[in-house]
């Protein structure tokens, strides 16, 4: 989500991949 408060993953990558964001950058 825009503020980084919510994430969702495909089942195939869940537990292995992590999405994150740095809005300042």
PDBML (XML) file of the C-alpha atoms, coordinates in Angstrom:
<?xml version="1.0" encoding="UTF-8" ?>
<PDBx:datablock datablockName="MODEL"
   xmlns:PDBx="http://pdbml.pdb.org/schema/pdbx-v50.xsd"
   xmlns:xsi="http://www.w3.org/2001/XMLSchema-instance"
   xsi:schemaLocation="http://pdbml.pdb.org/schema/pdbx-v50.xsd pdbx-v50.xsd">
   <PDBx:atom_siteCategory>
      <PDBx:atom_site id="1">
         <PDBx:B_iso_or_equiv>0.00</PDBx:B_iso_or_equiv>
         <PDBx:Cartn_x>0.000</PDBx:Cartn_x>
         <PDBx:Cartn_y>0.000</PDBx:Cartn_y>
         <PDBx:Cartn_z>0.000</PDBx:Cartn_z>
         <PDBx:auth_asym_id>A</PDBx:auth_asym_id>
         <PDBx:auth_atom_id>CA</PDBx:auth_atom_id>
         <PDBx:auth_comp_id>UNK</PDBx:auth_comp_id>
         <PDBx:auth_seq_id>1</PDBx:auth_seq_id>
         <PDBx:group_PDB>ATOM</PDBx:group_PDB>
         <PDBx:label_alt_id xsi:nil="true" />
         <PDBx:label_asym_id>A</PDBx:label_asym_id>
         <PDBx:label_atom_id>CA</PDBx:label_atom_id>
         <PDBx:label_comp_id>UNK</PDBx:label_comp_id>
         <PDBx:label_entity_id>1</PDBx:label_entity_id>
         <PDBx:label_seq_id>1</PDBx:label_seq_id>
         <PDBx:occupancy>1.00</PDBx:occupancy>
         <PDBx:pdbx_PDB_model_num>1</PDBx:pdbx_PDB_model_num>
         <PDBx:type_symbol>C</PDBx:type_symbol>
      </PDBx:atom_site>
      <PDBx:atom_site id="2">
         <PDBx:B_iso_or_equiv>0.00</PDBx:B_iso_or_equiv>
         <PDBx:Cartn_x>0.982</PDBx:Cartn_x>
         <PDBx:Cartn_y>3.624</PDBx:Cartn_y>
         <PDBx:Cartn_z>-0.408</PDBx:Cartn_z>
         <PDBx:auth_asym_id>A</PDBx:auth_asym_id>
         <PDBx:auth_atom_id>CA</PDBx:auth_atom_id>
         <PDBx:auth_comp_id>UNK</PDBx:auth_comp_id>
         <PDBx:auth_seq_id>2</PDBx:auth_seq_id>
         <PDBx:group_PDB>ATOM</PDBx:group_PDB>
         <PDBx:label_alt_id xsi:nil="true" />
         <PDBx:label_asym_id>A</PDBx:label_asym_id>
         <PDBx:label_atom_id>CA</PDBx:label_atom_id>
         <PDBx:label_comp_id>UNK</PDBx:label_comp_id>
         <PDBx:label_entity_id>1</PDBx:label_entity_id>
         <PDBx:label_seq_id>2</PDBx:label_seq_id>
         <PDBx:occupancy>1.00</PDBx:occupancy>
         <PDBx:pdbx_PDB_model_num>1</PDBx:pdbx_PDB_model_num>
         <PDBx:type_symbol>C</PDBx:type_symbol>
      </PDBx:atom_site>
      <PDBx:atom_site id="3">
         <PDBx:B_iso_or_equiv>0.00</PDBx:B_iso_or_equiv>
         <PDBx:Cartn_x>2.043</PDBx:Cartn_x>
         <PDBx:Cartn_y>4.045</PDBx:Cartn_y>
         <PDBx:Cartn_z>3.216</PDBx:Cartn_z>
         <PDBx:auth_asym_id>A</PDBx:auth_asym_id>
         <PDBx:auth_atom_id>CA</PDBx:auth_atom_id>
         <PDBx:auth_comp_id>UNK</PDBx:auth_comp_id>
         <PDBx:auth_seq_id>3</PDBx:auth_seq_id>
         <PDBx:group_PDB>ATOM</PDBx:group_PDB>
         <PDBx:label_alt_id xsi:nil="true" />
         <PDBx:label_asym_id>A</PDBx:label_asym_id>
         <PDBx:label_atom_id>CA</PDBx:label_atom_id>
         <PDBx:label_comp_id>UNK</PDBx:label_comp_id>
         <PDBx:label_entity_id>1</PDBx:label_entity_id>
         <PDBx:label_seq_id>3</PDBx:label_seq_id>
         <PDBx:occupancy>1.00</PDBx:occupancy>
         <PDBx:pdbx_PDB_model_num>1</PDBx:pdbx_PDB_model_num>
         <PDBx:type_symbol>C</PDBx:type_symbol>
      </PDBx:atom_site>
      <PDBx:atom_site id="4">
         <PDBx:B_iso_or_equiv>0.00</PDBx:B_iso_or_equiv>
         <PDBx:Cartn_x>3.603</PDBx:Cartn_x>
         <PDBx:Cartn_y>0.600</PDBx:Cartn_y>
         <PDBx:Cartn_z>3.414</PDBx:Cartn_z>
         <PDBx:auth_asym_id>A</PDBx:auth_asym_id>
         <PDBx:auth_atom_id>CA</PDBx:auth_atom_id>
         <PDBx:auth_comp_id>UNK</PDBx:auth_comp_id>
         <PDBx:auth_seq_id>4</PDBx:auth_seq_id>
         <PDBx:group_PDB>ATOM</PDBx:group_PDB>
         <PDBx:label_alt_id xsi:nil="true" />
         <PDBx:label_asym_id>A</PDBx:label_asym_id>
         <PDBx:label_atom_id>CA</PDBx:label_atom_id>
         <PDBx:label_comp_id>UNK</PDBx:label_comp_id>
         <PDBx:label_entity_id>1</PDBx:label_entity_id>
         <PDBx:label_seq_id>4</PDBx:label_seq_id>
         <PDBx:occupancy>1.00</PDBx:occupancy>
         <PDBx:pdbx_PDB_model_num>1</PDBx:pdbx_PDB_model_num>
         <PDBx:type_symbol>C</PDBx:type_symbol>
      </PDBx:atom_site>
      <PDBx:atom_site id="5">
         <PDBx:B_iso_or_equiv>0.00</PDBx:B_iso_or_equiv>
         <PDBx:Cartn_x>1.136</PDBx:Cartn_x>
         <PDBx:Cartn_y>-0.554</PDBx:Cartn_y>
         <PDBx:Cartn_z>6.042</PDBx:Cartn_z>
         <PDBx:auth_asym_id>A</PDBx:auth_asym_id>
         <PDBx:auth_atom_id>CA</PDBx:auth_atom_id>
         <PDBx:auth_comp_id>UNK</PDBx:auth_comp_id>
         <PDBx:auth_seq_id>5</PDBx:auth_seq_id>
         <PDBx:group_PDB>ATOM</PDBx:group_PDB>
         <PDBx:label_alt_id xsi:nil="true" />
         <PDBx:label_asym_id>A</PDBx:label_asym_id>
         <PDBx:label_atom_id>CA</PDBx:label_atom_id>
         <PDBx:label_comp_id>UNK</PDBx:label_comp_id>
         <PDBx:label_entity_id>1</PDBx:label_entity_id>
         <PDBx:label_seq_id>5</PDBx:label_seq_id>
         <PDBx:occupancy>1.00</PDBx:occupancy>
         <PDBx:pdbx_PDB_model_num>1</PDBx:pdbx_PDB_model_num>
         <PDBx:type_symbol>C</PDBx:type_symbol>
      </PDBx:atom_site>
      <PDBx:atom_site id="6">
         <PDBx:B_iso_or_equiv>0.00</PDBx:B_iso_or_equiv>
         <PDBx:Cartn_x>-0.314</PDBx:Cartn_x>
         <PDBx:Cartn_y>-3.439</PDBx:Cartn_y>
         <PDBx:Cartn_z>4.049</PDBx:Cartn_z>
         <PDBx:auth_asym_id>A</PDBx:auth_asym_id>
         <PDBx:auth_atom_id>CA</PDBx:auth_atom_id>
         <PDBx:auth_comp_id>UNK</PDBx:auth_comp_id>
         <PDBx:auth_seq_id>6</PDBx:auth_seq_id>
         <PDBx:group_PDB>ATOM</PDBx:group_PDB>
         <PDBx:label_alt_id xsi:nil="true" />
         <PDBx:label_asym_id>A</PDBx:label_asym_id>
         <PDBx:label_atom_id>CA</PDBx:label_atom_id>
         <PDBx:label_comp_id>UNK</PDBx:label_comp_id>
         <PDBx:label_entity_id>1</PDBx:label_entity_id>
         <PDBx:label_seq_id>6</PDBx:label_seq_id>
         <PDBx:occupancy>1.00</PDBx:occupancy>
         <PDBx:pdbx_PDB_model_num>1</PDBx:pdbx_PDB_model_num>
         <PDBx:type_symbol>C</PDBx:type_symbol>
      </PDBx:atom_site>
      <PDBx:atom_site id="7">
         <PDBx:B_iso_or_equiv>0.00</PDBx:B_iso_or_equiv>
         <PDBx:Cartn_x>1.342</PDBx:Cartn_x>
         <PDBx:Cartn_y>-6.099</PDBx:Cartn_y>
         <PDBx:Cartn_z>1.906</PDBx:Cartn_z>
         <PDBx:auth_asym_id>A</PDBx:auth_asym_id>
         <PDBx:auth_atom_id>CA</PDBx:auth_atom_id>
         <PDBx:auth_comp_id>UNK</PDBx:auth_comp_id>
         <PDBx:auth_seq_id>7</PDBx:auth_seq_id>
         <PDBx:group_PDB>ATOM</PDBx:group_PDB>
         <PDBx:label_alt_id xsi:nil="true" />
         <PDBx:label_asym_id>A</PDBx:label_asym_id>
         <PDBx:label_atom_id>CA</PDBx:label_atom_id>
         <PDBx:label_comp_id>UNK</PDBx:label_comp_id>
         <PDBx:label_entity_id>1</PDBx:label_entity_id>
         <PDBx:label_seq_id>7</PDBx:label_seq_id>
         <PDBx:occupancy>1.00</PDBx:occupancy>
         <PDBx:pdbx_PDB_model_num>1</PDBx:pdbx_PDB_model_num>
         <PDBx:type_symbol>C</PDBx:type_symbol>
      </PDBx:atom_site>
      <PDBx:atom_site id="8">
         <PDBx:B_iso_or_equiv>0.00</PDBx:B_iso_or_equiv>
         <PDBx:Cartn_x>0.164</PDBx:Cartn_x>
         <PDBx:Cartn_y>-9.044</PDBx:Cartn_y>
         <PDBx:Cartn_z>-0.160</PDBx:Cartn_z>
         <PDBx:auth_asym_id>A</PDBx:auth_asym_id>
         <PDBx:auth_atom_id>CA</PDBx:auth_atom_id>
         <PDBx:auth_comp_id>UNK</PDBx:auth_comp_id>
         <PDBx:auth_seq_id>8</PDBx:auth_seq_id>
         <PDBx:group_PDB>ATOM</PDBx:group_PDB>
         <PDBx:label_alt_id xsi:nil="true" />
         <PDBx:label_asym_id>A</PDBx:label_asym_id>
         <PDBx:label_atom_id>CA</PDBx:label_atom_id>
         <PDBx:label_comp_id>UNK</PDBx:label_comp_id>
         <PDBx:label_entity_id>1</PDBx:label_entity_id>
         <PDBx:label_seq_id>8</PDBx:label_seq_id>
         <PDBx:occupancy>1.00</PDBx:occupancy>
         <PDBx:pdbx_PDB_model_num>1</PDBx:pdbx_PDB_model_num>
         <PDBx:type_symbol>C</PDBx:type_symbol>
      </PDBx:atom_site>
      <PDBx:atom_site id="9">
         <PDBx:B_iso_or_equiv>0.00</PDBx:B_iso_or_equiv>
         <PDBx:Cartn_x>2.063</PDBx:Cartn_x>
         <PDBx:Cartn_y>-11.892</PDBx:Cartn_y>
         <PDBx:Cartn_z>-1.791</PDBx:Cartn_z>
         <PDBx:auth_asym_id>A</PDBx:auth_asym_id>
         <PDBx:auth_atom_id>CA</PDBx:auth_atom_id>
         <PDBx:auth_comp_id>UNK</PDBx:auth_comp_id>
         <PDBx:auth_seq_id>9</PDBx:auth_seq_id>
         <PDBx:group_PDB>ATOM</PDBx:group_PDB>
         <PDBx:label_alt_id xsi:nil="true" />
         <PDBx:label_asym_id>A</PDBx:label_asym_id>
         <PDBx:label_atom_id>CA</PDBx:label_atom_id>
         <PDBx:label_comp_id>UNK</PDBx:label_comp_id>
         <PDBx:label_entity_id>1</PDBx:label_entity_id>
         <PDBx:label_seq_id>9</PDBx:label_seq_id>
         <PDBx:occupancy>1.00</PDBx:occupancy>
         <PDBx:pdbx_PDB_model_num>1</PDBx:pdbx_PDB_model_num>
         <PDBx:type_symbol>C</PDBx:type_symbol>
      </PDBx:atom_site>
      <PDBx:atom_site id="10">
         <PDBx:B_iso_or_equiv>0.00</PDBx:B_iso_or_equiv>
         <PDBx:Cartn_x>1.443</PDBx:Cartn_x>
         <PDBx:Cartn_y>-14.605</PDBx:Cartn_y>
         <PDBx:Cartn_z>-4.293</PDBx:Cartn_z>
         <PDBx:auth_asym_id>A</PDBx:auth_asym_id>
         <PDBx:auth_atom_id>CA</PDBx:auth_atom_id>
         <PDBx:auth_comp_id>UNK</PDBx:auth_comp_id>
         <PDBx:auth_seq_id>10</PDBx:auth_seq_id>
         <PDBx:group_PDB>ATOM</PDBx:group_PDB>
         <PDBx:label_alt_id xsi:nil="true" />
         <PDBx:label_asym_id>A</PDBx:label_asym_id>
         <PDBx:label_atom_id>CA</PDBx:label_atom_id>
         <PDBx:label_comp_id>UNK</PDBx:label_comp_id>
         <PDBx:label_entity_id>1</PDBx:label_entity_id>
         <PDBx:label_seq_id>10</PDBx:label_seq_id>
         <PDBx:occupancy>1.00</PDBx:occupancy>
         <PDBx:pdbx_PDB_model_num>1</PDBx:pdbx_PDB_model_num>
         <PDBx:type_symbol>C</PDBx:type_symbol>
      </PDBx:atom_site>
      <PDBx:atom_site id="11">
         <PDBx:B_iso_or_equiv>0.00</PDBx:B_iso_or_equiv>
         <PDBx:Cartn_x>1.264</PDBx:Cartn_x>
         <PDBx:Cartn_y>-18.014</PDBx:Cartn_y>
         <PDBx:Cartn_z>-2.642</PDBx:Cartn_z>
         <PDBx:auth_asym_id>A</PDBx:auth_asym_id>
         <PDBx:auth_atom_id>CA</PDBx:auth_atom_id>
         <PDBx:auth_comp_id>UNK</PDBx:auth_comp_id>
         <PDBx:auth_seq_id>11</PDBx:auth_seq_id>
         <PDBx:group_PDB>ATOM</PDBx:group_PDB>
         <PDBx:label_alt_id xsi:nil="true" />
         <PDBx:label_asym_id>A</PDBx:label_asym_id>
         <PDBx:label_atom_id>CA</PDBx:label_atom_id>
         <PDBx:label_comp_id>UNK</PDBx:label_comp_id>
         <PDBx:label_entity_id>1</PDBx:label_entity_id>
         <PDBx:label_seq_id>11</PDBx:label_seq_id>
         <PDBx:occupancy>1.00</PDBx:occupancy>
         <PDBx:pdbx_PDB_model_num>1</PDBx:pdbx_PDB_model_num>
         <PDBx:type_symbol>C</PDBx:type_symbol>
      </PDBx:atom_site>
      <PDBx:atom_site id="12">
         <PDBx:B_iso_or_equiv>0.00</PDBx:B_iso_or_equiv>
         <PDBx:Cartn_x>4.284</PDBx:Cartn_x>
         <PDBx:Cartn_y>-19.125</PDBx:Cartn_y>
         <PDBx:Cartn_z>-4.635</PDBx:Cartn_z>
         <PDBx:auth_asym_id>A</PDBx:auth_asym_id>
         <PDBx:auth_atom_id>CA</PDBx:auth_atom_id>
         <PDBx:auth_comp_id>UNK</PDBx:auth_comp_id>
         <PDBx:auth_seq_id>12</PDBx:auth_seq_id>
         <PDBx:group_PDB>ATOM</PDBx:group_PDB>
         <PDBx:label_alt_id xsi:nil="true" />
         <PDBx:label_asym_id>A</PDBx:label_asym_id>
         <PDBx:label_atom_id>CA</PDBx:label_atom_id>
         <PDBx:label_comp_id>UNK</PDBx:label_comp_id>
         <PDBx:label_entity_id>1</PDBx:label_entity_id>
         <PDBx:label_seq_id>12</PDBx:label_seq_id>
         <PDBx:occupancy>1.00</PDBx:occupancy>
         <PDBx:pdbx_PDB_model_num>1</PDBx:pdbx_PDB_model_num>
         <PDBx:type_symbol>C</PDBx:type_symbol>
      </PDBx:atom_site>
      <PDBx:atom_site id="13">
         <PDBx:B_iso_or_equiv>0.00</PDBx:B_iso_or_equiv>
         <PDBx:Cartn_x>6.558</PDBx:Cartn_x>
         <PDBx:Cartn_y>-16.564</PDBx:Cartn_y>
         <PDBx:Cartn_z>-2.972</PDBx:Cartn_z>
         <PDBx:auth_asym_id>A</PDBx:auth_asym_id>
         <PDBx:auth_atom_id>CA</PDBx:auth_atom_id>
         <PDBx:auth_comp_id>UNK</PDBx:auth_comp_id>
         <PDBx:auth_seq_id>13</PDBx:auth_seq_id>
         <PDBx:group_PDB>ATOM</PDBx:group_PDB>
         <PDBx:label_alt_id xsi:nil="true" />
         <PDBx:label_asym_id>A</PDBx:label_asym_id>
         <PDBx:label_atom_id>CA</PDBx:label_atom_id>
         <PDBx:label_comp_id>UNK</PDBx:label_comp_id>
         <PDBx:label_entity_id>1</PDBx:label_entity_id>
         <PDBx:label_seq_id>13</PDBx:label_seq_id>
         <PDBx:occupancy>1.00</PDBx:occupancy>
         <PDBx:pdbx_PDB_model_num>1</PDBx:pdbx_PDB_model_num>
         <PDBx:type_symbol>C</PDBx:type_symbol>
      </PDBx:atom_site>
      <PDBx:atom_site id="14">
         <PDBx:B_iso_or_equiv>0.00</PDBx:B_iso_or_equiv>
         <PDBx:Cartn_x>4.973</PDBx:Cartn_x>
         <PDBx:Cartn_y>-16.177</PDBx:Cartn_y>
         <PDBx:Cartn_z>0.449</PDBx:Cartn_z>
         <PDBx:auth_asym_id>A</PDBx:auth_asym_id>
         <PDBx:auth_atom_id>CA</PDBx:auth_atom_id>
         <PDBx:auth_comp_id>UNK</PDBx:auth_comp_id>
         <PDBx:auth_seq_id>14</PDBx:auth_seq_id>
         <PDBx:group_PDB>ATOM</PDBx:group_PDB>
         <PDBx:label_alt_id xsi:nil="true" />
         <PDBx:label_asym_id>A</PDBx:label_asym_id>
         <PDBx:label_atom_id>CA</PDBx:label_atom_id>
         <PDBx:label_comp_id>UNK</PDBx:label_comp_id>
         <PDBx:label_entity_id>1</PDBx:label_entity_id>
         <PDBx:label_seq_id>14</PDBx:label_seq_id>
         <PDBx:occupancy>1.00</PDBx:occupancy>
         <PDBx:pdbx_PDB_model_num>1</PDBx:pdbx_PDB_model_num>
         <PDBx:type_symbol>C</PDBx:type_symbol>
      </PDBx:atom_site>
      <PDBx:atom_site id="15">
         <PDBx:B_iso_or_equiv>0.00</PDBx:B_iso_or_equiv>
         <PDBx:Cartn_x>7.536</PDBx:Cartn_x>
         <PDBx:Cartn_y>-16.592</PDBx:Cartn_y>
         <PDBx:Cartn_z>3.191</PDBx:Cartn_z>
         <PDBx:auth_asym_id>A</PDBx:auth_asym_id>
         <PDBx:auth_atom_id>CA</PDBx:auth_atom_id>
         <PDBx:auth_comp_id>UNK</PDBx:auth_comp_id>
         <PDBx:auth_seq_id>15</PDBx:auth_seq_id>
         <PDBx:group_PDB>ATOM</PDBx:group_PDB>
         <PDBx:label_alt_id xsi:nil="true" />
         <PDBx:label_asym_id>A</PDBx:label_asym_id>
         <PDBx:label_atom_id>CA</PDBx:label_atom_id>
         <PDBx:label_comp_id>UNK</PDBx:label_comp_id>
         <PDBx:label_entity_id>1</PDBx:label_entity_id>
         <PDBx:label_seq_id>15</PDBx:label_seq_id>
         <PDBx:occupancy>1.00</PDBx:occupancy>
         <PDBx:pdbx_PDB_model_num>1</PDBx:pdbx_PDB_model_num>
         <PDBx:type_symbol>C</PDBx:type_symbol>
      </PDBx:atom_site>
      <PDBx:atom_site id="16">
         <PDBx:B_iso_or_equiv>0.00</PDBx:B_iso_or_equiv>
         <PDBx:Cartn_x>10.429</PDBx:Cartn_x>
         <PDBx:Cartn_y>-16.123</PDBx:Cartn_y>
         <PDBx:Cartn_z>0.781</PDBx:Cartn_z>
         <PDBx:auth_asym_id>A</PDBx:auth_asym_id>
         <PDBx:auth_atom_id>CA</PDBx:auth_atom_id>
         <PDBx:auth_comp_id>UNK</PDBx:auth_comp_id>
         <PDBx:auth_seq_id>16</PDBx:auth_seq_id>
         <PDBx:group_PDB>ATOM</PDBx:group_PDB>
         <PDBx:label_alt_id xsi:nil="true" />
         <PDBx:label_asym_id>A</PDBx:label_asym_id>
         <PDBx:label_atom_id>CA</PDBx:label_atom_id>
         <PDBx:label_comp_id>UNK</PDBx:label_comp_id>
         <PDBx:label_entity_id>1</PDBx:label_entity_id>
         <PDBx:label_seq_id>16</PDBx:label_seq_id>
         <PDBx:occupancy>1.00</PDBx:occupancy>
         <PDBx:pdbx_PDB_model_num>1</PDBx:pdbx_PDB_model_num>
         <PDBx:type_symbol>C</PDBx:type_symbol>
      </PDBx:atom_site>
      <PDBx:atom_site id="17">
         <PDBx:B_iso_or_equiv>0.00</PDBx:B_iso_or_equiv>
         <PDBx:Cartn_x>9.906</PDBx:Cartn_x>
         <PDBx:Cartn_y>-12.651</PDBx:Cartn_y>
         <PDBx:Cartn_z>-0.674</PDBx:Cartn_z>
         <PDBx:auth_asym_id>A</PDBx:auth_asym_id>
         <PDBx:auth_atom_id>CA</PDBx:auth_atom_id>
         <PDBx:auth_comp_id>UNK</PDBx:auth_comp_id>
         <PDBx:auth_seq_id>17</PDBx:auth_seq_id>
         <PDBx:group_PDB>ATOM</PDBx:group_PDB>
         <PDBx:label_alt_id xsi:nil="true" />
         <PDBx:label_asym_id>A</PDBx:label_asym_id>
         <PDBx:label_atom_id>CA</PDBx:label_atom_id>
         <PDBx:label_comp_id>UNK</PDBx:label_comp_id>
         <PDBx:label_entity_id>1</PDBx:label_entity_id>
         <PDBx:label_seq_id>17</PDBx:label_seq_id>
         <PDBx:occupancy>1.00</PDBx:occupancy>
         <PDBx:pdbx_PDB_model_num>1</PDBx:pdbx_PDB_model_num>
         <PDBx:type_symbol>C</PDBx:type_symbol>
      </PDBx:atom_site>
      <PDBx:atom_site id="18">
         <PDBx:B_iso_or_equiv>0.00</PDBx:B_iso_or_equiv>
         <PDBx:Cartn_x>9.402</PDBx:Cartn_x>
         <PDBx:Cartn_y>-9.370</PDBx:Cartn_y>
         <PDBx:Cartn_z>1.130</PDBx:Cartn_z>
         <PDBx:auth_asym_id>A</PDBx:auth_asym_id>
         <PDBx:auth_atom_id>CA</PDBx:auth_atom_id>
         <PDBx:auth_comp_id>UNK</PDBx:auth_comp_id>
         <PDBx:auth_seq_id>18</PDBx:auth_seq_id>
         <PDBx:group_PDB>ATOM</PDBx:group_PDB>
         <PDBx:label_alt_id xsi:nil="true" />
         <PDBx:label_asym_id>A</PDBx:label_asym_id>
         <PDBx:label_atom_id>CA</PDBx:label_atom_id>
         <PDBx:label_comp_id>UNK</PDBx:label_comp_id>
         <PDBx:label_entity_id>1</PDBx:label_entity_id>
         <PDBx:label_seq_id>18</PDBx:label_seq_id>
         <PDBx:occupancy>1.00</PDBx:occupancy>
         <PDBx:pdbx_PDB_model_num>1</PDBx:pdbx_PDB_model_num>
         <PDBx:type_symbol>C</PDBx:type_symbol>
      </PDBx:atom_site>
      <PDBx:atom_site id="19">
         <PDBx:B_iso_or_equiv>0.00</PDBx:B_iso_or_equiv>
         <PDBx:Cartn_x>8.162</PDBx:Cartn_x>
         <PDBx:Cartn_y>-6.174</PDBx:Cartn_y>
         <PDBx:Cartn_z>-0.447</PDBx:Cartn_z>
         <PDBx:auth_asym_id>A</PDBx:auth_asym_id>
         <PDBx:auth_atom_id>CA</PDBx:auth_atom_id>
         <PDBx:auth_comp_id>UNK</PDBx:auth_comp_id>
         <PDBx:auth_seq_id>19</PDBx:auth_seq_id>
         <PDBx:group_PDB>ATOM</PDBx:group_PDB>
         <PDBx:label_alt_id xsi:nil="true" />
         <PDBx:label_asym_id>A</PDBx:label_asym_id>
         <PDBx:label_atom_id>CA</PDBx:label_atom_id>
         <PDBx:label_comp_id>UNK</PDBx:label_comp_id>
         <PDBx:label_entity_id>1</PDBx:label_entity_id>
         <PDBx:label_seq_id>19</PDBx:label_seq_id>
         <PDBx:occupancy>1.00</PDBx:occupancy>
         <PDBx:pdbx_PDB_model_num>1</PDBx:pdbx_PDB_model_num>
         <PDBx:type_symbol>C</PDBx:type_symbol>
      </PDBx:atom_site>
      <PDBx:atom_site id="20">
         <PDBx:B_iso_or_equiv>0.00</PDBx:B_iso_or_equiv>
         <PDBx:Cartn_x>8.990</PDBx:Cartn_x>
         <PDBx:Cartn_y>-2.869</PDBx:Cartn_y>
         <PDBx:Cartn_z>1.188</PDBx:Cartn_z>
         <PDBx:auth_asym_id>A</PDBx:auth_asym_id>
         <PDBx:auth_atom_id>CA</PDBx:auth_atom_id>
         <PDBx:auth_comp_id>UNK</PDBx:auth_comp_id>
         <PDBx:auth_seq_id>20</PDBx:auth_seq_id>
         <PDBx:group_PDB>ATOM</PDBx:group_PDB>
         <PDBx:label_alt_id xsi:nil="true" />
         <PDBx:label_asym_id>A</PDBx:label_asym_id>
         <PDBx:label_atom_id>CA</PDBx:label_atom_id>
         <PDBx:label_comp_id>UNK</PDBx:label_comp_id>
         <PDBx:label_entity_id>1</PDBx:label_entity_id>
         <PDBx:label_seq_id>20</PDBx:label_seq_id>
         <PDBx:occupancy>1.00</PDBx:occupancy>
         <PDBx:pdbx_PDB_model_num>1</PDBx:pdbx_PDB_model_num>
         <PDBx:type_symbol>C</PDBx:type_symbol>
      </PDBx:atom_site>
      <PDBx:atom_site id="21">
         <PDBx:B_iso_or_equiv>0.00</PDBx:B_iso_or_equiv>
         <PDBx:Cartn_x>9.149</PDBx:Cartn_x>
         <PDBx:Cartn_y>0.783</PDBx:Cartn_y>
         <PDBx:Cartn_z>0.297</PDBx:Cartn_z>
         <PDBx:auth_asym_id>A</PDBx:auth_asym_id>
         <PDBx:auth_atom_id>CA</PDBx:auth_atom_id>
         <PDBx:auth_comp_id>UNK</PDBx:auth_comp_id>
         <PDBx:auth_seq_id>21</PDBx:auth_seq_id>
         <PDBx:group_PDB>ATOM</PDBx:group_PDB>
         <PDBx:label_alt_id xsi:nil="true" />
         <PDBx:label_asym_id>A</PDBx:label_asym_id>
         <PDBx:label_atom_id>CA</PDBx:label_atom_id>
         <PDBx:label_comp_id>UNK</PDBx:label_comp_id>
         <PDBx:label_entity_id>1</PDBx:label_entity_id>
         <PDBx:label_seq_id>21</PDBx:label_seq_id>
         <PDBx:occupancy>1.00</PDBx:occupancy>
         <PDBx:pdbx_PDB_model_num>1</PDBx:pdbx_PDB_model_num>
         <PDBx:type_symbol>C</PDBx:type_symbol>
      </PDBx:atom_site>
      <PDBx:atom_site id="22">
         <PDBx:B_iso_or_equiv>0.00</PDBx:B_iso_or_equiv>
         <PDBx:Cartn_x>10.991</PDBx:Cartn_x>
         <PDBx:Cartn_y>3.887</PDBx:Cartn_y>
         <PDBx:Cartn_z>1.324</PDBx:Cartn_z>
         <PDBx:auth_asym_id>A</PDBx:auth_asym_id>
         <PDBx:auth_atom_id>CA</PDBx:auth_atom_id>
         <PDBx:auth_comp_id>UNK</PDBx:auth_comp_id>
         <PDBx:auth_seq_id>22</PDBx:auth_seq_id>
         <PDBx:group_PDB>ATOM</PDBx:group_PDB>
         <PDBx:label_alt_id xsi:nil="true" />
         <PDBx:label_asym_id>A</PDBx:label_asym_id>
         <PDBx:label_atom_id>CA</PDBx:label_atom_id>
         <PDBx:label_comp_id>UNK</PDBx:label_comp_id>
         <PDBx:label_entity_id>1</PDBx:label_entity_id>
         <PDBx:label_seq_id>22</PDBx:label_seq_id>
         <PDBx:occupancy>1.00</PDBx:occupancy>
         <PDBx:pdbx_PDB_model_num>1</PDBx:pdbx_PDB_model_num>
         <PDBx:type_symbol>C</PDBx:type_symbol>
      </PDBx:atom_site>
      <PDBx:atom_site id="23">
         <PDBx:B_iso_or_equiv>0.00</PDBx:B_iso_or_equiv>
         <PDBx:Cartn_x>8.828</PDBx:Cartn_x>
         <PDBx:Cartn_y>6.849</PDBx:Cartn_y>
         <PDBx:Cartn_z>0.444</PDBx:Cartn_z>
         <PDBx:auth_asym_id>A</PDBx:auth_asym_id>
         <PDBx:auth_atom_id>CA</PDBx:auth_atom_id>
         <PDBx:auth_comp_id>UNK</PDBx:auth_comp_id>
         <PDBx:auth_seq_id>23</PDBx:auth_seq_id>
         <PDBx:group_PDB>ATOM</PDBx:group_PDB>
         <PDBx:label_alt_id xsi:nil="true" />
         <PDBx:label_asym_id>A</PDBx:label_asym_id>
         <PDBx:label_atom_id>CA</PDBx:label_atom_id>
         <PDBx:label_comp_id>UNK</PDBx:label_comp_id>
         <PDBx:label_entity_id>1</PDBx:label_entity_id>
         <PDBx:label_seq_id>23</PDBx:label_seq_id>
         <PDBx:occupancy>1.00</PDBx:occupancy>
         <PDBx:pdbx_PDB_model_num>1</PDBx:pdbx_PDB_model_num>
         <PDBx:type_symbol>C</PDBx:type_symbol>
      </PDBx:atom_site>
      <PDBx:atom_site id="24">
         <PDBx:B_iso_or_equiv>0.00</PDBx:B_iso_or_equiv>
         <PDBx:Cartn_x>11.608</PDBx:Cartn_x>
         <PDBx:Cartn_y>9.280</PDBx:Cartn_y>
         <PDBx:Cartn_z>1.328</PDBx:Cartn_z>
         <PDBx:auth_asym_id>A</PDBx:auth_asym_id>
         <PDBx:auth_atom_id>CA</PDBx:auth_atom_id>
         <PDBx:auth_comp_id>UNK</PDBx:auth_comp_id>
         <PDBx:auth_seq_id>24</PDBx:auth_seq_id>
         <PDBx:group_PDB>ATOM</PDBx:group_PDB>
         <PDBx:label_alt_id xsi:nil="true" />
         <PDBx:label_asym_id>A</PDBx:label_asym_id>
         <PDBx:label_atom_id>CA</PDBx:label_atom_id>
         <PDBx:label_comp_id>UNK</PDBx:label_comp_id>
         <PDBx:label_entity_id>1</PDBx:label_entity_id>
         <PDBx:label_seq_id>24</PDBx:label_seq_id>
         <PDBx:occupancy>1.00</PDBx:occupancy>
         <PDBx:pdbx_PDB_model_num>1</PDBx:pdbx_PDB_model_num>
         <PDBx:type_symbol>C</PDBx:type_symbol>
      </PDBx:atom_site>
      <PDBx:atom_site id="25">
         <PDBx:B_iso_or_equiv>0.00</PDBx:B_iso_or_equiv>
         <PDBx:Cartn_x>13.720</PDBx:Cartn_x>
         <PDBx:Cartn_y>7.658</PDBx:Cartn_y>
         <PDBx:Cartn_z>-1.392</PDBx:Cartn_z>
         <PDBx:auth_asym_id>A</PDBx:auth_asym_id>
         <PDBx:auth_atom_id>CA</PDBx:auth_atom_id>
         <PDBx:auth_comp_id>UNK</PDBx:auth_comp_id>
         <PDBx:auth_seq_id>25</PDBx:auth_seq_id>
         <PDBx:group_PDB>ATOM</PDBx:group_PDB>
         <PDBx:label_alt_id xsi:nil="true" />
         <PDBx:label_asym_id>A</PDBx:label_asym_id>
         <PDBx:label_atom_id>CA</PDBx:label_atom_id>
         <PDBx:label_comp_id>UNK</PDBx:label_comp_id>
         <PDBx:label_entity_id>1</PDBx:label_entity_id>
         <PDBx:label_seq_id>25</PDBx:label_seq_id>
         <PDBx:occupancy>1.00</PDBx:occupancy>
         <PDBx:pdbx_PDB_model_num>1</PDBx:pdbx_PDB_model_num>
         <PDBx:type_symbol>C</PDBx:type_symbol>
      </PDBx:atom_site>
   </PDBx:atom_siteCategory>
</PDBx:datablock>
